[in-house]
Every structure is written in structure tokens, then in C-alpha cells.
N, C-alpha and C. Protein backbone atom coordinates (compact mmCIF):
# COMPACT_ATOMS: atom_id res chain seq x y z
N UNK A 1 65.73 -63.45 47.43
CA UNK A 1 66.25 -62.75 48.14
C UNK A 1 66.76 -61.25 47.66
N UNK A 2 67.71 -61.52 46.23
CA UNK A 2 68.38 -60.54 45.65
C UNK A 2 66.94 -59.67 44.99
N UNK A 3 66.17 -60.66 44.35
CA UNK A 3 65.26 -59.89 43.65
C UNK A 3 64.32 -58.78 44.76
N UNK A 4 63.94 -59.37 45.97
CA UNK A 4 63.11 -58.65 46.79
C UNK A 4 63.92 -57.46 47.28
N UNK A 5 65.34 -57.54 47.56
CA UNK A 5 66.19 -56.32 47.66
C UNK A 5 66.21 -55.31 46.83
N UNK A 6 66.19 -55.87 45.25
CA UNK A 6 66.25 -54.92 44.09
C UNK A 6 65.23 -54.26 44.25
N UNK A 7 63.83 -54.83 44.33
CA UNK A 7 62.64 -54.14 44.00
C UNK A 7 62.37 -53.46 45.43
N UNK A 8 62.57 -53.71 46.42
CA UNK A 8 62.65 -52.50 47.45
C UNK A 8 63.40 -51.27 47.35
N UNK A 9 64.74 -51.67 46.97
CA UNK A 9 65.83 -50.58 46.82
C UNK A 9 65.18 -49.80 45.65
N UNK A 10 64.51 -50.12 44.72
CA UNK A 10 63.89 -49.25 43.34
C UNK A 10 62.59 -48.68 44.22
N UNK A 11 61.73 -49.38 44.84
CA UNK A 11 60.33 -48.88 45.38
C UNK A 11 60.27 -47.57 46.47
N UNK A 12 61.25 -47.82 47.24
CA UNK A 12 61.25 -46.90 48.13
C UNK A 12 61.63 -45.49 48.03
N UNK A 13 62.82 -45.73 46.96
CA UNK A 13 63.14 -44.15 46.85
C UNK A 13 62.18 -43.41 45.78
N UNK A 14 61.74 -44.11 44.78
CA UNK A 14 60.67 -43.69 43.80
C UNK A 14 59.15 -43.06 44.83
N UNK A 15 58.97 -43.97 45.76
CA UNK A 15 57.75 -43.78 46.48
C UNK A 15 58.15 -42.49 47.22
N UNK A 16 59.15 -42.38 47.83
CA UNK A 16 59.32 -41.04 48.52
C UNK A 16 59.52 -39.99 47.90
N UNK A 17 60.23 -39.90 46.79
CA UNK A 17 60.02 -38.82 45.85
C UNK A 17 58.78 -38.44 45.24
N UNK A 18 57.88 -39.53 44.88
CA UNK A 18 56.61 -39.19 44.59
C UNK A 18 55.60 -38.44 45.59
N UNK A 19 55.94 -39.16 46.78
CA UNK A 19 55.15 -38.31 48.09
C UNK A 19 55.62 -37.00 48.25
N UNK A 20 56.85 -36.71 48.24
CA UNK A 20 57.37 -35.46 48.68
C UNK A 20 56.81 -34.43 47.50
N UNK A 21 56.90 -34.98 46.14
CA UNK A 21 56.18 -34.21 44.95
C UNK A 21 54.81 -33.67 45.44
N UNK A 22 54.13 -34.74 45.87
CA UNK A 22 52.74 -34.73 46.12
C UNK A 22 52.30 -33.82 47.01
N UNK A 23 53.13 -33.75 48.39
CA UNK A 23 53.00 -32.69 49.29
C UNK A 23 53.79 -31.46 49.21
N UNK A 24 54.53 -31.20 47.97
CA UNK A 24 55.04 -30.20 47.69
C UNK A 24 53.96 -28.67 47.25
N UNK A 25 53.86 -27.65 48.13
CA UNK A 25 52.69 -26.77 47.62
C UNK A 25 53.29 -25.32 47.30
N UNK A 26 54.53 -25.47 46.94
CA UNK A 26 55.05 -24.07 46.22
C UNK A 26 55.04 -24.15 44.88
N UNK A 27 55.05 -22.82 44.50
CA UNK A 27 55.13 -22.68 43.11
C UNK A 27 56.45 -22.49 42.82
N UNK A 28 56.74 -23.37 41.69
CA UNK A 28 58.07 -23.50 41.31
C UNK A 28 58.39 -22.92 39.73
N UNK A 29 57.52 -22.49 39.14
CA UNK A 29 57.61 -22.21 37.82
C UNK A 29 56.47 -21.34 37.20
N UNK A 30 56.73 -20.61 36.18
CA UNK A 30 55.74 -19.81 35.73
C UNK A 30 54.37 -20.42 35.12
N UNK A 31 54.63 -21.79 34.79
CA UNK A 31 53.41 -22.63 34.27
C UNK A 31 52.70 -23.01 35.40
N UNK A 32 53.40 -23.41 36.84
CA UNK A 32 52.57 -23.60 37.84
C UNK A 32 51.42 -22.51 38.50
N UNK A 33 52.14 -21.50 38.06
CA UNK A 33 51.43 -20.14 38.44
C UNK A 33 50.14 -19.87 37.58
N UNK A 34 50.39 -20.05 36.21
CA UNK A 34 49.81 -19.81 35.45
C UNK A 34 48.23 -20.69 35.31
N UNK A 35 48.76 -22.21 35.62
CA UNK A 35 47.61 -23.03 36.04
C UNK A 35 46.72 -22.66 37.16
N UNK A 36 47.12 -22.07 38.00
CA UNK A 36 46.24 -21.70 39.33
C UNK A 36 45.52 -20.14 39.18
N UNK A 37 45.92 -19.36 38.12
CA UNK A 37 45.25 -18.25 38.46
C UNK A 37 44.69 -17.91 37.11
N UNK A 38 43.76 -16.94 37.05
CA UNK A 38 43.13 -16.18 35.68
C UNK A 38 43.71 -15.14 35.02
N UNK A 39 44.40 -14.32 35.94
CA UNK A 39 44.92 -13.05 35.59
C UNK A 39 46.31 -13.84 34.71
N UNK A 40 46.38 -12.47 33.95
CA UNK A 40 47.45 -12.52 33.06
C UNK A 40 48.92 -12.51 33.88
N UNK A 41 49.94 -13.18 33.12
CA UNK A 41 51.24 -12.71 33.81
C UNK A 41 51.87 -11.94 32.93
N UNK A 42 52.42 -10.81 33.31
CA UNK A 42 53.03 -9.56 32.49
C UNK A 42 54.61 -9.80 32.68
N UNK A 43 55.30 -10.81 33.40
CA UNK A 43 56.45 -10.99 33.36
C UNK A 43 57.14 -11.67 34.33
N UNK A 44 58.38 -11.68 34.17
CA UNK A 44 59.08 -12.31 35.43
C UNK A 44 60.30 -11.26 35.94
N UNK A 45 60.46 -10.99 36.86
CA UNK A 45 61.74 -10.20 37.37
C UNK A 45 62.69 -11.08 38.08
N UNK A 46 63.94 -11.17 37.55
CA UNK A 46 64.86 -12.07 38.23
C UNK A 46 65.50 -11.40 39.49
N UNK A 47 65.71 -12.34 40.49
CA UNK A 47 66.04 -11.94 41.94
C UNK A 47 67.30 -11.29 41.78
N UNK A 48 67.58 -10.13 42.43
CA UNK A 48 68.55 -9.10 42.41
C UNK A 48 69.79 -9.38 43.49
N UNK A 49 70.76 -9.35 43.20
CA UNK A 49 71.70 -9.62 44.44
C UNK A 49 72.07 -8.54 45.35
N UNK A 50 71.53 -7.52 44.77
CA UNK A 50 71.98 -6.31 45.75
C UNK A 50 70.60 -5.54 45.99
N UNK A 51 69.37 -5.91 45.21
CA UNK A 51 68.06 -5.47 45.50
C UNK A 51 68.10 -3.91 45.38
N UNK A 52 68.76 -3.40 44.67
CA UNK A 52 68.93 -1.88 44.66
C UNK A 52 68.20 -1.40 43.57
N UNK A 53 68.57 -0.13 43.16
CA UNK A 53 67.78 0.47 42.00
C UNK A 53 68.69 0.25 40.88
N UNK A 54 68.06 0.15 39.77
CA UNK A 54 68.53 0.19 38.44
C UNK A 54 68.81 1.56 38.17
N UNK A 55 70.11 1.53 37.21
CA UNK A 55 70.39 2.92 36.80
C UNK A 55 69.66 3.74 36.06
N UNK A 56 69.54 5.01 36.47
CA UNK A 56 68.70 6.06 35.51
C UNK A 56 69.61 6.81 34.63
N UNK A 57 70.95 6.72 34.75
CA UNK A 57 71.74 7.57 33.88
C UNK A 57 71.94 7.09 32.42
N UNK A 58 71.53 7.70 31.30
CA UNK A 58 71.56 7.10 30.08
C UNK A 58 70.60 5.97 29.95
N UNK A 59 70.86 5.17 28.99
CA UNK A 59 69.83 4.06 28.42
C UNK A 59 70.81 2.50 29.10
N UNK A 60 70.33 2.11 30.19
CA UNK A 60 70.83 0.94 30.77
C UNK A 60 70.67 -0.10 30.27
N UNK A 61 71.43 -1.21 29.95
CA UNK A 61 71.35 -2.45 29.07
C UNK A 61 71.53 -3.44 30.09
N UNK A 62 71.37 -3.34 31.20
CA UNK A 62 71.50 -4.38 32.35
C UNK A 62 70.36 -5.35 32.49
N UNK A 63 70.55 -6.55 32.81
CA UNK A 63 69.33 -7.56 32.52
C UNK A 63 67.92 -7.05 33.45
N UNK A 64 68.31 -6.66 34.46
CA UNK A 64 67.31 -6.05 35.32
C UNK A 64 66.32 -5.04 34.73
N UNK A 65 67.19 -4.10 34.25
CA UNK A 65 66.68 -2.91 33.33
C UNK A 65 65.66 -3.45 32.00
N UNK A 66 66.28 -4.21 31.44
CA UNK A 66 65.53 -4.99 30.42
C UNK A 66 64.22 -5.61 31.05
N UNK A 67 64.53 -6.10 31.79
CA UNK A 67 63.13 -7.02 32.62
C UNK A 67 62.18 -5.94 32.95
N UNK A 68 62.61 -4.85 33.32
CA UNK A 68 61.25 -3.83 33.84
C UNK A 68 61.03 -3.09 32.72
N UNK A 69 61.79 -2.90 31.41
CA UNK A 69 61.23 -2.55 30.18
C UNK A 69 59.89 -3.10 29.86
N UNK A 70 60.65 -4.68 29.55
CA UNK A 70 59.41 -5.54 29.14
C UNK A 70 58.20 -5.64 30.04
N UNK A 71 58.30 -5.49 31.49
CA UNK A 71 57.22 -5.37 32.17
C UNK A 71 56.28 -4.05 32.01
N UNK A 72 56.99 -3.07 31.68
CA UNK A 72 56.26 -1.72 31.22
C UNK A 72 55.66 -1.78 29.94
N UNK A 73 56.06 -2.50 29.12
CA UNK A 73 55.55 -2.64 27.91
C UNK A 73 54.32 -3.51 27.94
N UNK A 74 54.28 -4.71 28.85
CA UNK A 74 53.06 -5.35 28.79
C UNK A 74 52.10 -4.85 29.70
N UNK A 75 52.34 -3.82 30.62
CA UNK A 75 51.20 -3.00 31.20
C UNK A 75 50.86 -2.12 30.24
N UNK A 76 51.61 -1.28 29.53
CA UNK A 76 51.03 -0.54 28.56
C UNK A 76 50.09 -1.39 27.62
N UNK A 77 50.56 -2.48 27.05
CA UNK A 77 49.56 -3.34 26.39
C UNK A 77 48.19 -3.62 26.48
N UNK A 78 48.37 -3.71 28.24
CA UNK A 78 47.10 -4.22 28.90
C UNK A 78 46.39 -3.19 29.11
N UNK A 79 46.57 -1.94 29.21
CA UNK A 79 46.22 -0.76 29.61
C UNK A 79 44.88 -0.41 28.46
N UNK A 80 43.70 -0.44 28.72
CA UNK A 80 42.57 -0.08 27.76
C UNK A 80 42.21 1.46 27.76
N UNK A 81 42.62 1.80 28.86
CA UNK A 81 41.64 3.24 28.98
C UNK A 81 42.74 3.97 29.89
N UNK A 82 42.75 5.34 30.06
CA UNK A 82 43.57 6.21 30.74
C UNK A 82 43.06 5.65 32.30
N UNK A 83 41.84 5.17 32.56
CA UNK A 83 41.35 5.25 34.26
C UNK A 83 42.27 4.12 34.51
N UNK A 84 43.08 3.22 33.70
CA UNK A 84 44.04 2.24 34.40
C UNK A 84 45.11 2.65 34.80
N UNK A 85 45.32 3.69 35.87
CA UNK A 85 46.65 4.28 35.99
C UNK A 85 47.21 3.88 37.58
N UNK A 86 46.48 3.27 38.32
CA UNK A 86 46.76 2.86 39.71
C UNK A 86 47.53 1.70 39.79
N UNK A 87 48.57 1.26 40.39
CA UNK A 87 49.27 -0.06 40.39
C UNK A 87 49.43 -0.31 41.68
N UNK A 88 49.09 -1.36 42.25
CA UNK A 88 49.22 -1.84 44.08
C UNK A 88 50.53 -2.81 43.65
N UNK A 89 51.52 -2.58 44.61
CA UNK A 89 52.50 -3.93 44.57
C UNK A 89 52.33 -3.91 46.20
N UNK A 90 52.18 -5.43 46.04
CA UNK A 90 52.14 -5.74 47.67
C UNK A 90 52.86 -7.32 47.72
N UNK A 91 52.99 -7.77 48.63
CA UNK A 91 53.26 -9.13 48.91
C UNK A 91 52.70 -9.87 50.38
N UNK A 92 53.08 -11.06 50.98
CA UNK A 92 52.36 -11.61 52.10
C UNK A 92 53.22 -11.23 53.35
N UNK A 93 54.91 -11.45 52.99
CA UNK A 93 55.78 -10.96 53.85
C UNK A 93 56.89 -10.02 53.66
N UNK A 94 57.23 -9.81 54.72
CA UNK A 94 58.63 -8.73 54.47
C UNK A 94 59.65 -9.67 53.89
N UNK A 95 60.18 -8.99 52.73
CA UNK A 95 61.49 -8.87 52.17
C UNK A 95 61.33 -9.95 50.90
N UNK A 96 59.70 -9.66 50.38
CA UNK A 96 59.64 -10.35 49.18
C UNK A 96 59.79 -9.39 47.66
N UNK A 97 60.05 -8.42 47.86
CA UNK A 97 60.68 -7.32 46.82
C UNK A 97 59.45 -6.38 46.28
N UNK A 98 58.74 -5.94 47.37
CA UNK A 98 57.84 -4.87 47.07
C UNK A 98 58.53 -3.59 46.86
N UNK A 99 59.30 -3.14 47.72
CA UNK A 99 60.21 -1.85 47.50
C UNK A 99 61.04 -2.01 46.11
N UNK A 100 61.39 -3.09 46.12
CA UNK A 100 62.47 -3.32 44.73
C UNK A 100 61.55 -3.09 43.34
N UNK A 101 60.51 -3.74 43.37
CA UNK A 101 59.60 -3.85 41.98
C UNK A 101 58.99 -2.44 41.99
N UNK A 102 58.35 -2.04 43.12
CA UNK A 102 57.68 -0.49 43.01
C UNK A 102 58.88 0.45 42.67
N UNK A 103 59.90 0.41 43.05
CA UNK A 103 60.85 1.68 42.90
C UNK A 103 61.38 1.43 41.54
N UNK A 104 61.75 0.49 40.88
CA UNK A 104 62.49 -0.12 39.85
C UNK A 104 61.39 0.52 38.69
N UNK A 105 59.91 -0.06 38.91
CA UNK A 105 59.03 0.04 37.88
C UNK A 105 58.52 1.67 37.83
N UNK A 106 58.48 2.33 38.83
CA UNK A 106 58.44 3.70 38.82
C UNK A 106 59.22 4.45 38.11
N UNK A 107 60.76 4.27 38.22
CA UNK A 107 62.07 4.70 37.58
C UNK A 107 61.87 4.31 35.90
N UNK A 108 61.48 3.09 35.68
CA UNK A 108 61.57 2.71 34.39
C UNK A 108 60.07 3.58 33.56
N UNK A 109 58.96 3.52 34.29
CA UNK A 109 57.82 4.42 34.01
C UNK A 109 57.81 6.02 33.48
N UNK A 110 58.95 6.43 34.60
CA UNK A 110 59.34 7.41 34.58
C UNK A 110 60.36 8.25 33.52
N UNK A 111 61.25 7.34 33.26
CA UNK A 111 62.15 7.18 32.16
C UNK A 111 61.52 7.02 30.77
N UNK A 112 60.17 6.77 30.63
CA UNK A 112 59.60 6.49 29.49
C UNK A 112 58.80 7.94 29.16
N UNK A 113 58.72 8.65 30.19
CA UNK A 113 58.16 9.89 29.87
C UNK A 113 56.74 10.16 30.70
N UNK A 114 56.39 8.94 31.25
CA UNK A 114 55.28 9.12 32.51
C UNK A 114 55.39 9.73 33.56
N UNK A 115 54.61 10.75 33.87
CA UNK A 115 54.43 11.51 35.26
C UNK A 115 54.22 10.24 36.37
N UNK A 116 55.02 10.06 37.22
CA UNK A 116 54.83 8.75 38.17
C UNK A 116 54.93 9.38 39.70
N UNK A 117 54.17 8.78 40.42
CA UNK A 117 54.35 9.08 41.99
C UNK A 117 54.34 7.56 42.79
N UNK A 118 54.98 7.45 43.64
CA UNK A 118 55.01 6.29 44.17
C UNK A 118 54.65 6.84 45.79
N UNK A 119 53.55 5.89 46.63
CA UNK A 119 53.35 6.10 47.66
C UNK A 119 53.96 5.01 48.57
N UNK A 120 54.34 5.42 49.73
CA UNK A 120 54.90 4.50 50.75
C UNK A 120 53.77 4.02 51.51
N UNK A 121 53.07 3.17 51.49
CA UNK A 121 52.02 2.65 52.26
C UNK A 121 52.41 1.80 53.37
N UNK A 122 53.71 1.43 53.61
CA UNK A 122 54.09 0.21 54.40
C UNK A 122 54.30 1.46 55.65
N UNK A 123 53.24 1.60 56.26
CA UNK A 123 53.55 2.48 57.50
C UNK A 123 54.38 1.88 58.74
N UNK A 124 54.22 0.68 58.82
CA UNK A 124 55.01 -0.19 60.04
C UNK A 124 56.55 0.12 59.69
N UNK A 125 56.97 -0.45 58.66
CA UNK A 125 58.39 -0.62 58.41
C UNK A 125 58.60 0.10 56.90
N UNK A 126 58.51 1.22 56.83
CA UNK A 126 58.72 1.72 55.50
C UNK A 126 60.28 1.69 55.09
N UNK A 127 60.30 1.49 53.85
CA UNK A 127 61.88 1.28 53.25
C UNK A 127 62.12 1.89 51.74
N UNK A 128 60.88 2.48 51.51
CA UNK A 128 60.83 3.24 49.89
C UNK A 128 61.86 4.34 50.13
N UNK A 129 61.54 5.17 50.80
CA UNK A 129 62.06 6.56 50.86
C UNK A 129 63.67 6.33 51.16
N UNK A 130 64.13 5.31 51.86
CA UNK A 130 65.27 5.00 52.13
C UNK A 130 66.03 4.81 50.89
N UNK A 131 65.44 3.90 50.26
CA UNK A 131 65.98 3.51 48.67
C UNK A 131 66.38 4.43 48.05
N UNK A 132 65.54 5.49 48.01
CA UNK A 132 65.87 7.08 47.06
C UNK A 132 66.63 7.81 48.04
N UNK A 133 67.10 7.68 49.25
CA UNK A 133 67.82 8.59 50.20
C UNK A 133 67.07 9.83 50.14
N UNK A 134 65.68 9.53 50.50
CA UNK A 134 64.84 10.76 50.63
C UNK A 134 64.27 10.58 52.04
N UNK A 135 63.85 11.68 52.81
CA UNK A 135 63.25 11.95 54.10
C UNK A 135 61.82 11.09 53.90
N UNK A 136 61.42 10.48 55.02
CA UNK A 136 60.06 9.82 55.11
C UNK A 136 58.81 10.83 55.41
N UNK A 137 59.51 12.09 56.24
CA UNK A 137 58.56 12.87 56.39
C UNK A 137 58.64 14.30 55.91
N UNK A 138 57.57 14.95 55.57
CA UNK A 138 56.20 14.88 56.24
C UNK A 138 55.79 13.95 54.96
N UNK A 139 54.60 12.65 55.43
CA UNK A 139 54.16 11.65 54.57
C UNK A 139 52.88 11.63 54.70
N UNK A 140 52.55 10.30 54.44
CA UNK A 140 50.82 10.09 54.37
C UNK A 140 50.39 10.25 56.06
N UNK A 141 50.99 9.59 56.97
CA UNK A 141 50.35 9.56 58.43
C UNK A 141 50.32 11.13 58.61
N UNK A 142 51.43 11.94 58.32
CA UNK A 142 51.28 13.58 58.80
C UNK A 142 50.10 13.97 58.00
N UNK A 143 49.76 13.78 56.45
CA UNK A 143 48.49 14.29 55.60
C UNK A 143 47.29 13.68 56.60
N UNK A 144 47.24 12.70 57.11
CA UNK A 144 46.25 12.24 57.49
C UNK A 144 45.72 12.91 58.89
N UNK A 145 46.70 12.83 59.64
CA UNK A 145 46.41 13.47 61.28
C UNK A 145 46.41 14.87 61.26
N UNK A 146 47.04 15.59 60.39
CA UNK A 146 47.52 17.08 60.35
C UNK A 146 46.36 17.66 59.17
N UNK A 147 45.66 17.87 59.34
CA UNK A 147 44.34 18.39 58.51
C UNK A 147 45.07 19.65 57.74
N UNK A 148 45.88 20.32 58.07
CA UNK A 148 46.34 21.53 57.49
C UNK A 148 47.21 21.41 56.76
N UNK A 149 47.56 20.25 56.55
CA UNK A 149 48.63 20.05 55.54
C UNK A 149 48.09 19.68 54.07
N UNK A 150 48.42 20.09 53.04
CA UNK A 150 47.99 20.03 51.92
C UNK A 150 48.72 18.79 50.92
N UNK A 151 48.24 18.58 49.76
CA UNK A 151 48.88 17.43 49.17
C UNK A 151 50.16 17.92 48.67
N UNK A 152 50.19 18.95 48.24
CA UNK A 152 51.74 19.43 48.03
C UNK A 152 52.75 19.48 48.80
N UNK A 153 52.49 19.65 50.26
CA UNK A 153 53.45 19.74 51.50
C UNK A 153 53.76 18.33 51.47
N UNK A 154 53.31 17.38 50.99
CA UNK A 154 53.99 15.81 51.49
C UNK A 154 54.66 15.31 50.00
N UNK A 155 54.30 15.65 49.07
CA UNK A 155 55.25 15.37 47.82
C UNK A 155 56.43 15.62 47.56
N UNK A 156 57.29 14.82 47.42
CA UNK A 156 58.63 15.17 47.26
C UNK A 156 59.09 14.77 45.79
N UNK A 157 59.83 15.78 45.11
CA UNK A 157 60.13 15.39 43.69
C UNK A 157 61.64 14.93 43.83
N UNK A 158 62.01 13.97 43.07
CA UNK A 158 63.16 13.21 43.18
C UNK A 158 64.04 14.28 42.58
N UNK A 159 65.20 14.37 43.11
CA UNK A 159 66.17 15.53 42.58
C UNK A 159 66.65 15.09 41.18
N UNK A 160 66.69 13.73 40.99
CA UNK A 160 67.59 13.47 39.71
C UNK A 160 67.09 12.89 38.53
N UNK A 161 65.75 12.39 39.16
CA UNK A 161 64.92 11.55 38.10
C UNK A 161 63.61 12.45 37.42
N UNK A 162 63.56 12.77 36.29
CA UNK A 162 62.54 13.52 35.79
C UNK A 162 61.44 12.83 35.82
N UNK A 163 59.97 13.43 36.22
CA UNK A 163 58.87 12.80 36.14
C UNK A 163 58.44 11.83 37.27
N UNK A 164 59.39 11.92 38.58
CA UNK A 164 59.29 10.89 39.29
C UNK A 164 59.16 11.75 40.42
N UNK A 165 58.07 11.21 41.46
CA UNK A 165 57.69 12.01 42.82
C UNK A 165 57.40 10.86 43.56
N UNK A 166 57.70 11.28 44.87
CA UNK A 166 57.39 10.25 45.90
C UNK A 166 56.79 11.01 47.23
N UNK A 167 55.82 10.14 47.89
CA UNK A 167 55.24 10.54 49.22
C UNK A 167 55.76 9.36 50.06
N UNK A 168 56.22 9.79 51.20
CA UNK A 168 56.85 8.68 52.41
C UNK A 168 55.67 8.47 53.13
N UNK A 169 56.08 7.57 54.22
CA UNK A 169 54.93 6.81 55.00
C UNK A 169 55.04 8.11 56.04
N UNK A 170 55.69 9.05 56.46
CA UNK A 170 55.33 9.96 57.42
C UNK A 170 55.65 9.56 58.86
N UNK A 171 55.62 10.22 59.76
CA UNK A 171 55.96 10.06 61.01
C UNK A 171 55.07 8.65 61.58
N UNK A 172 55.77 7.89 62.45
CA UNK A 172 55.56 6.69 62.71
C UNK A 172 54.06 6.88 64.01
N UNK A 173 52.96 6.28 63.48
CA UNK A 173 52.19 6.06 64.58
C UNK A 173 51.47 4.56 65.19
N UNK A 174 50.98 4.43 65.84
CA UNK A 174 50.37 3.33 66.71
C UNK A 174 49.09 2.71 66.00
N UNK A 175 48.12 3.73 65.71
CA UNK A 175 46.98 3.18 64.93
C UNK A 175 46.89 3.30 63.83
N UNK A 176 47.77 2.39 62.97
CA UNK A 176 47.70 2.12 61.53
C UNK A 176 46.77 1.89 60.91
N UNK A 177 45.92 0.87 61.23
CA UNK A 177 44.47 0.14 60.78
C UNK A 177 43.77 1.21 60.82
N UNK A 178 43.51 2.14 61.88
CA UNK A 178 42.44 3.47 61.87
C UNK A 178 42.86 4.32 60.76
N UNK A 179 44.02 4.54 60.60
CA UNK A 179 44.40 5.78 59.53
C UNK A 179 44.02 5.32 58.28
N UNK A 180 44.10 4.08 57.88
CA UNK A 180 43.73 3.39 56.39
C UNK A 180 42.35 3.82 56.58
N UNK A 181 41.41 3.80 57.38
CA UNK A 181 40.13 4.03 56.85
C UNK A 181 39.73 5.82 56.88
N UNK A 182 40.70 6.26 56.74
CA UNK A 182 40.32 7.97 56.64
C UNK A 182 40.13 8.53 55.36
N UNK A 183 39.17 9.18 55.40
CA UNK A 183 38.56 9.90 53.97
C UNK A 183 39.62 10.58 53.49
N UNK A 184 40.82 10.94 54.20
CA UNK A 184 41.76 11.88 53.36
C UNK A 184 42.46 10.87 52.57
N UNK A 185 42.54 9.84 52.60
CA UNK A 185 43.32 8.85 51.72
C UNK A 185 42.49 8.66 50.46
N UNK A 186 41.04 8.67 50.29
CA UNK A 186 40.49 8.64 49.08
C UNK A 186 40.63 10.18 48.65
N UNK A 187 40.73 11.36 49.32
CA UNK A 187 40.88 12.42 48.59
C UNK A 187 42.40 12.50 48.06
N UNK A 188 43.32 12.19 48.73
CA UNK A 188 44.54 11.96 48.27
C UNK A 188 44.77 11.39 46.90
N UNK A 189 44.27 10.18 46.77
CA UNK A 189 44.33 9.07 45.89
C UNK A 189 43.44 9.92 44.42
N UNK A 190 42.21 10.57 44.61
CA UNK A 190 41.85 11.09 43.52
C UNK A 190 42.28 12.53 43.14
N UNK A 191 42.94 12.90 44.19
CA UNK A 191 43.67 14.16 43.64
C UNK A 191 45.06 13.67 42.81
N UNK A 192 45.59 12.89 43.10
CA UNK A 192 46.99 12.34 42.31
C UNK A 192 46.52 11.73 41.13
N UNK A 193 45.57 11.32 41.18
CA UNK A 193 45.13 10.69 39.73
C UNK A 193 44.93 11.66 38.71
N UNK A 194 44.83 12.90 38.88
CA UNK A 194 44.63 13.96 38.05
C UNK A 194 45.90 14.59 37.44
N UNK A 195 46.93 14.35 38.36
CA UNK A 195 48.07 14.98 38.18
C UNK A 195 49.09 13.91 37.74
N UNK A 196 48.98 12.67 38.00
CA UNK A 196 50.00 11.63 37.74
C UNK A 196 49.57 10.51 36.80
């Protein structure tokens, strides 16, 4: 009886832990991710407690600033030609850090001397311009709907960060999906690639 109880006492917890591990479908380490994808991993950015911008005054030595510098170095290392100049930052759900990554990556690239423009394509719940304390309009939706607006009308130069410009989401509209199919987006991207 004692031996049976001991075996059951050992077997049950180990089987529960093994089953839980088998059913776990979350990525918990960089090794798990590298086993699942063939794309190169450029770096890891630690979760920020405040989710704000890294400082641009002077040469910041905070851990976040260093991680973004490393990310920029790895991006530059992988860039084979000048045609590779457009980055897309996206995620599956709200709150995963799109704005945090895009904002701080843009600041780091701009402080390295690159001419950078950040576009806020989150047309439903835009956060980018709030992060920089800039108005969201005029922006992308205004440029698409109002044919008389030029690209220069929607570009906002950051007041304190050299080489950094932004384009907000614009006036809120209902038909976001239809706007994304507009030919004016292609025109906008092609023109911006020549300048930034």
C-alpha cells in the first residue's frame, strides 16, 4: 500500500506537468521562436514599465536605448541595398508594443543620421501621434479623401528631433478597409521613399 501510494504520488504530478507542457502553445524563449521561423531574429526588446519614448537628449545609456541601438545595428547589417528602406511594425492585438517599437526605432534611426518618417496606419485607434504630443490631423485619411492635399501638407516635422518626421492617421472615418485600397497610398509611399 505504501509503495503504491508513493508511486501514485510521484506519477500523478509528473504526468500533469508533462501534459501541461505538451499542451502549451506559447513561445517562451528566443530558442522556441528561432525553431519555428526561418527569418533572422534581429534582437530582443525588454518590456518597458512606462512604455514611453527613449530620451533623445544627449547619448542615452539606458537599457532600452542600448537595445534599440543594437536593433538598428542588426538592421543595418542585414540591409543589402538602399532599396531595403521600409519597415512595417505590426502585431495581432492591441497593446503588444507596435507604437513603442516604431517610435523608439524611429528616434534611434534619426539620431544615427538617417532621414526617417513614421506613418500611423492604425486608422481605428491611432496612438503614434499622441506619443509624440503632435496632432493626428491632417493625416493619411485626409490625404486619401481630399485629393487637393499634397504630401507636404500631411508631413509633420518633429520639433526637437532632427531627421524625424511623422504622418498621423488623420480624421476618423468609417470605411477604413476601402481607404487602404486607394491608389494614393501607393503614390504616397513611392514619393516618401525618395525623400526618407
